[in-house]
């Protein structure tokens, strides 16, 4: 996984956690849901990067 991709995915995950927490504190369900969505998106991207890395290892 490229370091910049890994950092971007981690940043998106952390941003999602912040949004989710802010939504819970303020009672803003839309913000909370957006945060959860950001976290899910980051997880999918991380899984895709891991698959690419595994494929490179197999083909090498």
C-alpha atoms as a PDB file:
ATOM      1  CA  UNK A   1       0.000   0.000   0.000  1.00  0.00           C
ATOM      2  CA  UNK A   2       1.424   3.372  -0.934  1.00  0.00           C
ATOM      3  CA  UNK A   3       2.236   5.470   2.072  1.00  0.00           C
ATOM      4  CA  UNK A   4       0.275   8.463   0.802  1.00  0.00           C
ATOM      5  CA  UNK A   5      -2.807   6.296   0.190  1.00  0.00           C
ATOM      6  CA  UNK A   6      -2.481   4.778   3.646  1.00  0.00           C
ATOM      7  CA  UNK A   7      -2.204   8.247   5.219  1.00  0.00           C
ATOM      8  CA  UNK A   8      -5.197   9.531   3.262  1.00  0.00           C
ATOM      9  CA  UNK A   9      -7.314   6.533   4.287  1.00  0.00           C
ATOM     10  CA  UNK A  10      -6.292   6.928   7.916  1.00  0.00           C
ATOM     11  CA  UNK A  11      -7.108  10.638   7.759  1.00  0.00           C
ATOM     12  CA  UNK A  12     -10.518   9.913   6.297  1.00  0.00           C
ATOM     13  CA  UNK A  13     -11.181   7.331   9.018  1.00  0.00           C
ATOM     14  CA  UNK A  14     -10.153   9.724  11.779  1.00  0.00           C
ATOM     15  CA  UNK A  15     -12.199  12.520  10.245  1.00  0.00           C
ATOM     16  CA  UNK A  16     -15.183  10.186  10.183  1.00  0.00           C
ATOM     17  CA  UNK A  17     -14.707   9.352  13.843  1.00  0.00           C
ATOM     18  CA  UNK A  18     -14.605  13.056  14.696  1.00  0.00           C
ATOM     19  CA  UNK A  19     -17.779  13.727  12.692  1.00  0.00           C
ATOM     20  CA  UNK A  20     -19.536  10.782  14.305  1.00  0.00           C
ATOM     21  CA  UNK A  21     -18.576  11.934  17.799  1.00  0.00           C
ATOM     22  CA  UNK A  22     -19.594  15.525  17.054  1.00  0.00           C
ATOM     23  CA  UNK A  23     -22.913  14.290  15.718  1.00  0.00           C
ATOM     24  CA  UNK A  24     -23.534  12.256  18.866  1.00  0.00           C
ATOM     25  CA  UNK A  25     -22.650  15.177  21.161  1.00  0.00           C
ATOM     26  CA  UNK A  26     -24.810  17.672  19.287  1.00  0.00           C
ATOM     27  CA  UNK A  27     -27.643  15.264  18.535  1.00  0.00           C
ATOM     28  CA  UNK A  28     -27.078  15.754  14.799  1.00  0.00           C
ATOM     29  CA  UNK A  29     -27.912  12.378  13.311  1.00  0.00           C
ATOM     30  CA  UNK A  30     -26.976  13.478   9.793  1.00  0.00           C
ATOM     31  CA  UNK A  31     -23.452  14.398  10.888  1.00  0.00           C
ATOM     32  CA  UNK A  32     -23.172  11.163  12.840  1.00  0.00           C
ATOM     33  CA  UNK A  33     -24.251   9.151   9.793  1.00  0.00           C
ATOM     34  CA  UNK A  34     -21.846  11.070   7.561  1.00  0.00           C
ATOM     35  CA  UNK A  35     -19.031  10.209   9.943  1.00  0.00           C
ATOM     36  CA  UNK A  36     -19.924   6.543   9.871  1.00  0.00           C
ATOM     37  CA  UNK A  37     -20.051   6.702   6.082  1.00  0.00           C
ATOM     38  CA  UNK A  38     -16.581   8.260   5.941  1.00  0.00           C
ATOM     39  CA  UNK A  39     -15.243   5.484   8.143  1.00  0.00           C
ATOM     40  CA  UNK A  40     -16.844   2.802   5.986  1.00  0.00           C
ATOM     41  CA  UNK A  41     -15.441   4.378   2.839  1.00  0.00           C
ATOM     42  CA  UNK A  42     -11.953   4.474   4.337  1.00  0.00           C
ATOM     43  CA  UNK A  43     -12.250   0.806   5.321  1.00  0.00           C
ATOM     44  CA  UNK A  44     -13.246  -0.197   1.785  1.00  0.00           C
ATOM     45  CA  UNK A  45     -10.329   1.759   0.334  1.00  0.00           C
ATOM     46  CA  UNK A  46      -7.912   0.138   2.785  1.00  0.00           C
ATOM     47  CA  UNK A  47      -9.215  -3.315   1.844  1.00  0.00           C
ATOM     48  CA  UNK A  48      -8.755  -2.518  -1.847  1.00  0.00           C
ATOM     49  CA  UNK A  49      -5.175  -1.420  -1.242  1.00  0.00           C
ATOM     50  CA  UNK A  50      -4.463  -4.625   0.679  1.00  0.00           C
ATOM     51  CA  UNK A  51      -5.833  -6.700  -2.194  1.00  0.00           C
ATOM     52  CA  UNK A  52      -3.609  -4.843  -4.651  1.00  0.00           C
ATOM     53  CA  UNK A  53      -0.601  -5.423  -2.396  1.00  0.00           C
ATOM     54  CA  UNK A  54      -1.400  -9.134  -2.111  1.00  0.00           C
ATOM     55  CA  UNK A  55      -1.749  -9.433  -5.887  1.00  0.00           C
ATOM     56  CA  UNK A  56       1.636  -7.752  -6.379  1.00  0.00           C
ATOM     57  CA  UNK A  57       3.208 -10.178  -3.901  1.00  0.00           C
ATOM     58  CA  UNK A  58       1.715 -13.187  -5.690  1.00  0.00           C
ATOM     59  CA  UNK A  59       2.821 -11.973  -9.120  1.00  0.00           C
ATOM     60  CA  UNK A  60       6.327 -11.131  -7.945  1.00  0.00           C
END
